[in-house]
N, C-alpha and C. Protein backbone atom coordinates (compact mmCIF):
# COMPACT_ATOMS: atom_id res chain seq x y z
N MET A 1 6.94 -4.69 -21.40
CA MET A 1 6.54 -3.29 -21.49
C MET A 1 5.08 -3.26 -21.38
N TYR A 2 4.39 -2.33 -20.58
CA TYR A 2 3.05 -2.29 -20.73
C TYR A 2 2.56 -0.90 -21.21
N LYS A 3 1.50 -0.71 -21.95
CA LYS A 3 0.90 0.36 -22.03
C LYS A 3 -0.04 0.75 -20.78
N ILE A 4 -0.34 2.01 -20.82
CA ILE A 4 -1.09 2.51 -19.45
C ILE A 4 -2.35 1.38 -19.20
N GLY A 5 -3.31 1.24 -20.16
CA GLY A 5 -4.27 0.47 -19.94
C GLY A 5 -4.10 -0.96 -19.56
N GLU A 6 -2.93 -1.69 -20.17
CA GLU A 6 -2.50 -2.94 -19.63
C GLU A 6 -2.04 -2.95 -18.29
N LEU A 7 -1.31 -2.00 -17.84
CA LEU A 7 -0.79 -1.85 -16.50
C LEU A 7 -1.94 -1.64 -15.50
N ALA A 8 -2.89 -0.99 -15.89
CA ALA A 8 -3.95 -0.57 -14.99
C ALA A 8 -4.81 -1.83 -14.92
N SER A 9 -5.03 -2.58 -15.89
CA SER A 9 -5.85 -3.90 -15.85
C SER A 9 -4.92 -4.98 -15.02
N LEU A 10 -3.79 -5.17 -15.12
CA LEU A 10 -2.99 -6.04 -14.39
C LEU A 10 -3.07 -5.59 -12.93
N ALA A 11 -2.86 -4.44 -12.52
CA ALA A 11 -2.80 -4.01 -11.03
C ALA A 11 -4.14 -3.68 -10.55
N ASN A 12 -5.36 -3.76 -11.44
CA ASN A 12 -6.74 -3.65 -10.95
C ASN A 12 -6.84 -2.18 -10.44
N VAL A 13 -6.31 -1.30 -11.19
CA VAL A 13 -6.66 0.31 -10.78
C VAL A 13 -6.99 0.92 -12.06
N SER A 14 -7.44 2.14 -11.83
CA SER A 14 -7.90 3.04 -13.15
C SER A 14 -6.58 3.58 -13.95
N LYS A 15 -6.76 3.90 -15.28
CA LYS A 15 -5.63 4.61 -15.90
C LYS A 15 -5.48 6.00 -15.34
N ARG A 16 -6.47 6.42 -14.71
CA ARG A 16 -6.47 7.86 -14.04
C ARG A 16 -5.52 7.78 -12.75
N THR A 17 -5.76 6.71 -12.07
CA THR A 17 -4.74 6.41 -10.96
C THR A 17 -3.39 6.57 -11.32
N ILE A 18 -3.03 5.68 -12.44
CA ILE A 18 -1.74 5.57 -12.96
C ILE A 18 -1.14 7.00 -13.46
N ASP A 19 -2.14 7.76 -14.11
CA ASP A 19 -1.77 9.04 -14.52
C ASP A 19 -1.22 9.99 -13.39
N TYR A 20 -2.12 9.87 -12.40
CA TYR A 20 -1.91 10.68 -11.10
C TYR A 20 -0.61 10.17 -10.40
N TYR A 21 -0.28 8.87 -10.38
CA TYR A 21 0.95 8.52 -9.76
C TYR A 21 2.22 8.88 -10.57
N THR A 22 1.97 8.96 -12.05
CA THR A 22 2.99 9.25 -12.87
C THR A 22 3.21 10.79 -12.68
N ASN A 23 2.31 11.61 -12.70
CA ASN A 23 2.42 13.20 -12.58
C ASN A 23 3.07 13.47 -11.08
N LEU A 24 2.79 12.53 -10.09
CA LEU A 24 3.46 12.68 -8.73
C LEU A 24 4.87 12.34 -8.73
N GLY A 25 5.43 11.53 -9.61
CA GLY A 25 6.76 10.91 -9.62
C GLY A 25 6.68 9.64 -8.97
N LEU A 26 5.71 9.07 -8.65
CA LEU A 26 5.58 7.78 -7.86
C LEU A 26 5.87 6.71 -8.94
N LEU A 27 5.59 6.75 -10.13
CA LEU A 27 5.64 5.64 -11.22
C LEU A 27 6.34 6.50 -12.30
N LYS A 28 7.31 5.74 -13.00
CA LYS A 28 8.13 6.42 -14.08
C LYS A 28 7.75 5.45 -15.34
N ALA A 29 7.56 6.36 -16.36
CA ALA A 29 7.09 5.83 -17.79
C ALA A 29 8.15 6.18 -18.69
N LYS A 30 8.36 5.38 -19.76
CA LYS A 30 9.25 5.70 -21.05
C LYS A 30 8.33 6.05 -22.19
N ARG A 31 8.68 7.10 -22.80
CA ARG A 31 7.95 7.44 -23.83
C ARG A 31 8.29 7.04 -25.11
N SER A 32 7.53 6.56 -25.97
CA SER A 32 7.82 6.14 -27.35
C SER A 32 7.90 7.34 -28.30
N PRO A 33 8.51 7.00 -29.52
CA PRO A 33 8.46 8.08 -30.46
C PRO A 33 7.18 8.88 -30.81
N SER A 34 6.02 8.01 -30.54
CA SER A 34 4.67 8.36 -30.80
C SER A 34 4.07 8.98 -29.70
N ASN A 35 4.84 9.19 -28.50
CA ASN A 35 4.50 9.63 -27.32
C ASN A 35 3.60 8.75 -26.47
N TYR A 36 3.41 7.51 -26.64
CA TYR A 36 3.02 6.55 -25.77
C TYR A 36 3.87 6.43 -24.55
N ARG A 37 2.99 6.06 -23.37
CA ARG A 37 3.78 5.84 -22.08
C ARG A 37 3.94 4.36 -22.23
N TYR A 38 5.00 3.81 -21.84
CA TYR A 38 5.27 2.59 -21.64
C TYR A 38 5.91 2.23 -20.28
N TYR A 39 5.29 1.16 -19.46
CA TYR A 39 5.57 0.88 -18.01
C TYR A 39 6.38 -0.53 -17.95
N THR A 40 7.20 -0.64 -17.27
CA THR A 40 8.07 -1.96 -17.04
C THR A 40 7.39 -2.92 -15.97
N GLU A 41 8.00 -4.08 -15.93
CA GLU A 41 7.66 -4.96 -14.87
C GLU A 41 7.81 -4.30 -13.47
N GLU A 42 9.07 -3.42 -13.44
CA GLU A 42 9.41 -2.78 -12.13
C GLU A 42 8.18 -1.86 -11.86
N SER A 43 7.47 -1.34 -12.81
CA SER A 43 6.62 -0.19 -12.49
C SER A 43 5.28 -1.20 -12.01
N LEU A 44 4.93 -2.25 -12.55
CA LEU A 44 4.07 -3.05 -11.88
C LEU A 44 4.24 -3.32 -10.53
N ALA A 45 5.55 -3.86 -10.19
CA ALA A 45 5.78 -4.27 -8.79
C ALA A 45 5.65 -2.78 -7.92
N GLU A 46 6.06 -1.76 -8.26
CA GLU A 46 5.93 -0.44 -7.78
C GLU A 46 4.52 -0.08 -7.54
N LEU A 47 3.71 -0.40 -8.52
CA LEU A 47 2.22 0.05 -8.41
C LEU A 47 1.54 -0.84 -7.37
N THR A 48 2.01 -2.03 -7.31
CA THR A 48 1.41 -3.01 -6.32
C THR A 48 1.77 -2.48 -4.91
N PHE A 49 3.19 -2.06 -4.79
CA PHE A 49 3.66 -1.66 -3.41
C PHE A 49 2.86 -0.26 -3.15
N ILE A 50 2.61 0.54 -4.04
CA ILE A 50 1.86 1.91 -3.65
C ILE A 50 0.58 1.39 -3.25
N GLU A 51 -0.21 0.72 -3.91
CA GLU A 51 -1.59 0.30 -3.32
C GLU A 51 -1.64 -0.43 -1.93
N SER A 52 -0.47 -1.29 -1.79
CA SER A 52 -0.40 -1.83 -0.44
C SER A 52 -0.10 -0.79 0.47
N CYS A 53 0.71 -0.04 0.34
CA CYS A 53 0.80 1.19 1.25
C CYS A 53 -0.28 1.91 1.57
N LYS A 54 -0.89 2.34 0.42
CA LYS A 54 -2.19 2.99 0.51
C LYS A 54 -3.28 2.42 1.37
N SER A 55 -3.30 0.96 1.22
CA SER A 55 -4.33 0.26 2.14
C SER A 55 -4.04 0.46 3.52
N LEU A 56 -2.79 0.80 4.04
CA LEU A 56 -2.23 1.04 5.38
C LEU A 56 -2.35 2.60 5.68
N HIS A 57 -3.05 3.37 4.73
CA HIS A 57 -3.22 4.79 4.87
C HIS A 57 -1.81 5.44 5.16
N ILE A 58 -0.83 5.09 4.61
CA ILE A 58 0.48 5.70 4.49
C ILE A 58 0.39 6.83 3.40
N PRO A 59 0.82 8.08 3.79
CA PRO A 59 0.78 9.30 2.80
C PRO A 59 1.55 8.98 1.70
N LEU A 60 1.17 9.69 0.69
CA LEU A 60 1.71 9.50 -0.59
C LEU A 60 3.18 10.18 -0.51
N GLU A 61 3.53 11.16 0.11
CA GLU A 61 4.80 11.66 0.37
C GLU A 61 5.81 10.54 0.95
N GLU A 62 5.26 9.65 1.91
CA GLU A 62 6.03 8.73 2.33
C GLU A 62 6.25 7.59 1.69
N ILE A 63 5.21 7.15 0.92
CA ILE A 63 5.33 6.25 -0.27
C ILE A 63 6.37 6.53 -1.20
N LYS A 64 6.35 7.82 -1.65
CA LYS A 64 7.35 8.37 -2.66
C LYS A 64 8.75 8.14 -2.02
N ARG A 65 8.98 8.48 -0.95
CA ARG A 65 10.44 8.37 -0.12
C ARG A 65 10.74 6.84 -0.18
N LYS A 66 9.73 5.90 0.22
CA LYS A 66 10.16 4.66 0.22
C LYS A 66 10.49 4.06 -1.19
N LEU A 67 9.92 4.54 -2.28
CA LEU A 67 10.09 4.01 -3.54
C LEU A 67 11.31 4.61 -4.08
N GLU A 68 11.68 5.81 -3.70
CA GLU A 68 13.15 6.47 -3.84
C GLU A 68 14.18 5.73 -3.33
N CYS A 69 14.01 5.14 -1.96
CA CYS A 69 15.02 4.49 -1.35
C CYS A 69 15.14 3.12 -1.98
N LYS A 70 13.87 2.45 -2.34
CA LYS A 70 14.13 1.12 -2.94
C LYS A 70 14.76 1.22 -4.47
N ARG A 71 14.43 2.42 -5.02
CA ARG A 71 15.28 2.49 -6.46
C ARG A 71 16.62 2.71 -6.27
N ASN A 72 17.08 3.51 -5.35
CA ASN A 72 18.47 3.73 -5.20
C ASN A 72 19.28 2.75 -4.38
N LYS A 73 18.51 1.65 -3.85
CA LYS A 73 19.04 0.55 -3.34
C LYS A 73 19.58 1.18 -1.93
N GLU A 74 19.05 2.18 -1.39
CA GLU A 74 19.59 2.70 -0.19
C GLU A 74 18.43 2.59 0.98
N VAL A 75 18.86 2.46 1.98
CA VAL A 75 18.07 2.49 3.16
C VAL A 75 18.50 3.56 3.98
N GLU A 76 17.65 4.56 4.05
CA GLU A 76 17.82 5.78 4.92
C GLU A 76 17.15 5.59 6.19
N LYS A 77 18.18 5.64 7.26
CA LYS A 77 17.82 5.41 8.58
C LYS A 77 16.50 6.42 8.97
N GLU A 78 16.54 7.46 8.64
CA GLU A 78 15.67 8.46 8.99
C GLU A 78 14.22 8.10 8.55
N VAL A 79 14.17 7.61 7.31
CA VAL A 79 12.94 7.13 6.69
C VAL A 79 12.34 6.12 7.45
N VAL A 80 13.19 5.11 7.52
CA VAL A 80 12.84 3.73 8.38
C VAL A 80 12.29 4.15 9.76
N LEU A 81 13.15 4.99 10.35
CA LEU A 81 12.57 5.20 11.76
C LEU A 81 11.12 6.10 11.70
N SER A 82 11.13 6.99 10.77
CA SER A 82 10.00 7.67 10.72
C SER A 82 8.73 6.81 10.41
N GLN A 83 8.98 5.82 9.52
CA GLN A 83 7.99 5.00 9.15
C GLN A 83 7.42 4.00 10.17
N ALA A 84 8.61 3.58 10.87
CA ALA A 84 8.11 2.64 12.09
C ALA A 84 7.21 3.50 13.08
N ALA A 85 7.77 4.71 13.32
CA ALA A 85 6.97 5.58 14.44
C ALA A 85 5.51 5.55 13.86
N LEU A 86 5.46 5.97 12.51
CA LEU A 86 3.88 6.19 11.90
C LEU A 86 3.27 4.76 12.08
N LEU A 87 3.79 3.73 11.80
CA LEU A 87 3.21 2.41 11.92
C LEU A 87 2.83 2.10 13.33
N THR A 88 3.62 2.33 14.13
CA THR A 88 3.35 2.24 15.63
C THR A 88 2.23 3.01 16.12
N ASN A 89 2.33 4.37 15.80
CA ASN A 89 0.90 5.26 16.37
C ASN A 89 -0.25 4.66 15.69
N GLN A 90 -0.25 4.03 14.43
CA GLN A 90 -1.47 3.50 13.66
C GLN A 90 -1.83 2.16 14.29
N LEU A 91 -0.94 1.31 14.67
CA LEU A 91 -1.29 0.18 15.30
C LEU A 91 -1.71 0.39 16.63
N GLU A 92 -1.39 1.37 17.38
CA GLU A 92 -2.03 1.97 18.71
C GLU A 92 -3.29 2.27 18.53
N GLN A 93 -3.49 2.89 17.59
CA GLN A 93 -4.90 3.49 17.32
C GLN A 93 -5.88 2.37 16.99
N VAL A 94 -5.38 1.38 16.13
CA VAL A 94 -6.22 0.17 15.95
C VAL A 94 -6.43 -0.42 17.29
N ASN A 95 -5.41 -0.86 18.01
CA ASN A 95 -5.68 -1.48 19.24
C ASN A 95 -6.76 -0.80 20.05
N LYS A 96 -6.67 0.54 20.24
CA LYS A 96 -7.79 1.33 21.05
C LYS A 96 -9.10 1.19 20.41
N GLU A 97 -9.20 1.10 19.10
CA GLU A 97 -10.67 1.06 18.46
C GLU A 97 -11.01 -0.46 18.76
N LEU A 98 -10.16 -1.44 18.70
CA LEU A 98 -10.60 -2.87 18.81
C LEU A 98 -11.16 -3.00 20.30
N SER A 99 -10.41 -2.37 21.31
CA SER A 99 -10.69 -2.45 22.82
C SER A 99 -12.01 -1.74 22.79
N SER A 100 -12.41 -0.62 22.27
CA SER A 100 -13.71 -0.09 22.31
C SER A 100 -14.79 -0.88 21.89
N ILE A 101 -14.57 -1.77 20.83
CA ILE A 101 -15.68 -2.57 20.17
C ILE A 101 -15.88 -3.96 20.78
N MET A 102 -14.78 -4.21 21.57
CA MET A 102 -14.87 -5.82 22.14
C MET A 102 -16.06 -6.12 22.90
N PRO A 103 -16.56 -5.18 23.71
CA PRO A 103 -17.87 -5.43 24.53
C PRO A 103 -18.98 -5.70 23.60
N ILE A 104 -18.97 -4.82 22.36
CA ILE A 104 -20.20 -5.13 21.46
C ILE A 104 -19.97 -6.52 20.76
N ILE A 105 -18.73 -6.92 20.41
CA ILE A 105 -18.48 -8.02 19.86
C ILE A 105 -18.95 -9.29 20.58
N HIS A 106 -18.52 -9.11 21.95
CA HIS A 106 -18.97 -10.43 22.73
C HIS A 106 -20.45 -10.54 22.87
N LYS A 107 -21.28 -9.46 22.55
CA LYS A 107 -22.85 -9.61 22.51
C LYS A 107 -23.22 -10.20 21.41
N LEU A 108 -22.46 -10.33 20.26
CA LEU A 108 -23.03 -10.91 18.95
C LEU A 108 -23.23 -12.41 19.21
N ASP A 109 -24.11 -12.86 18.34
CA ASP A 109 -24.14 -14.43 18.25
C ASP A 109 -23.00 -14.96 17.59
N ASP A 110 -22.80 -16.33 17.60
CA ASP A 110 -21.81 -17.14 17.26
C ASP A 110 -21.45 -16.71 15.77
N GLU A 111 -22.55 -16.75 14.90
CA GLU A 111 -22.29 -16.53 13.39
C GLU A 111 -21.72 -15.23 13.10
N GLU A 112 -22.19 -14.17 13.97
CA GLU A 112 -21.77 -12.84 13.65
C GLU A 112 -20.27 -12.71 14.16
N LYS A 113 -20.08 -13.35 15.22
CA LYS A 113 -18.57 -13.33 15.93
C LYS A 113 -17.69 -13.90 14.71
N GLN A 114 -17.99 -14.84 14.19
CA GLN A 114 -17.18 -15.60 13.08
C GLN A 114 -17.02 -14.64 11.93
N GLN A 115 -17.99 -13.94 11.59
CA GLN A 115 -17.86 -13.04 10.51
C GLN A 115 -16.89 -11.91 10.76
N VAL A 116 -17.07 -11.27 11.94
CA VAL A 116 -16.06 -10.28 12.63
C VAL A 116 -14.62 -10.76 12.64
N THR A 117 -14.51 -12.03 13.16
CA THR A 117 -13.18 -12.71 13.28
C THR A 117 -12.47 -12.72 11.98
N ARG A 118 -13.31 -13.26 10.73
CA ARG A 118 -12.86 -13.44 9.50
C ARG A 118 -12.19 -12.19 8.98
N LYS A 119 -13.11 -11.24 9.12
CA LYS A 119 -12.79 -9.79 8.55
C LYS A 119 -11.45 -9.30 9.19
N LEU A 120 -11.55 -9.47 10.57
CA LEU A 120 -10.11 -8.87 11.29
C LEU A 120 -9.15 -9.82 10.76
N SER A 121 -9.11 -11.00 10.85
CA SER A 121 -8.08 -11.72 10.18
C SER A 121 -7.43 -11.50 9.00
N LEU A 122 -8.46 -11.24 8.04
CA LEU A 122 -8.19 -11.00 6.71
C LEU A 122 -7.27 -9.47 6.65
N GLN A 123 -7.78 -8.65 7.58
CA GLN A 123 -7.07 -7.37 7.53
C GLN A 123 -5.57 -7.38 8.22
N SER A 124 -5.39 -8.36 9.29
CA SER A 124 -4.09 -8.43 9.84
C SER A 124 -3.32 -9.29 8.85
N ASP A 125 -3.80 -10.19 7.94
CA ASP A 125 -2.88 -10.81 6.89
C ASP A 125 -2.48 -9.74 6.08
N THR A 126 -3.30 -8.88 5.54
CA THR A 126 -3.03 -7.76 4.81
C THR A 126 -1.89 -6.75 5.28
N LEU A 127 -2.11 -6.40 6.47
CA LEU A 127 -1.26 -5.77 7.25
C LEU A 127 0.18 -6.40 7.33
N LEU A 128 0.30 -7.53 7.77
CA LEU A 128 1.51 -8.38 7.84
C LEU A 128 2.18 -8.42 6.46
N GLN A 129 1.45 -8.62 5.41
CA GLN A 129 2.05 -8.70 3.99
C GLN A 129 2.57 -7.11 3.74
N SER A 130 1.92 -6.14 3.97
CA SER A 130 2.47 -4.73 3.81
C SER A 130 3.55 -4.55 4.64
N LEU A 131 3.69 -4.97 5.84
CA LEU A 131 4.79 -4.64 6.65
C LEU A 131 6.04 -5.29 6.02
N ARG A 132 5.89 -6.64 5.55
CA ARG A 132 6.97 -7.32 4.86
C ARG A 132 7.43 -6.55 3.59
N LEU A 133 6.62 -6.02 2.93
CA LEU A 133 6.98 -5.17 1.75
C LEU A 133 7.88 -3.98 2.20
N LEU A 134 7.59 -3.40 3.31
CA LEU A 134 8.45 -2.19 3.73
C LEU A 134 9.82 -2.61 4.01
N PHE A 135 10.06 -3.97 4.30
CA PHE A 135 11.40 -4.27 4.56
C PHE A 135 12.09 -5.12 3.54
N VAL A 136 11.66 -5.12 2.37
CA VAL A 136 12.08 -6.02 1.43
C VAL A 136 13.20 -5.15 0.63
């Protein structure tokens, strides 16, 4: 069990962020007799999941629905289809943006091209990890 400060430190977020997520119902805390909030290992995993989803610009309402499905061990077809459609749209937008900057990238010197390639590769890896989380 973690106090809010410990959880914040482990997840590399602020206590205020955890408060916000708790108030929205994204995270669940257990109260002690002295009214301290305690979070479980599951809360840490859920917080990591929330932050991963946020990095993909998934709306908090969608994240909440995903968490509820995970908690209930149910996969709701509508939620999955809706999320797949959202991700497809986001990926199409990213591809359009990449296409529009490719002529500029081609004009960069080799070192600058490598920097851009590394950044894009890192973001692609993050996206793939987040996609894996959606289907676990």
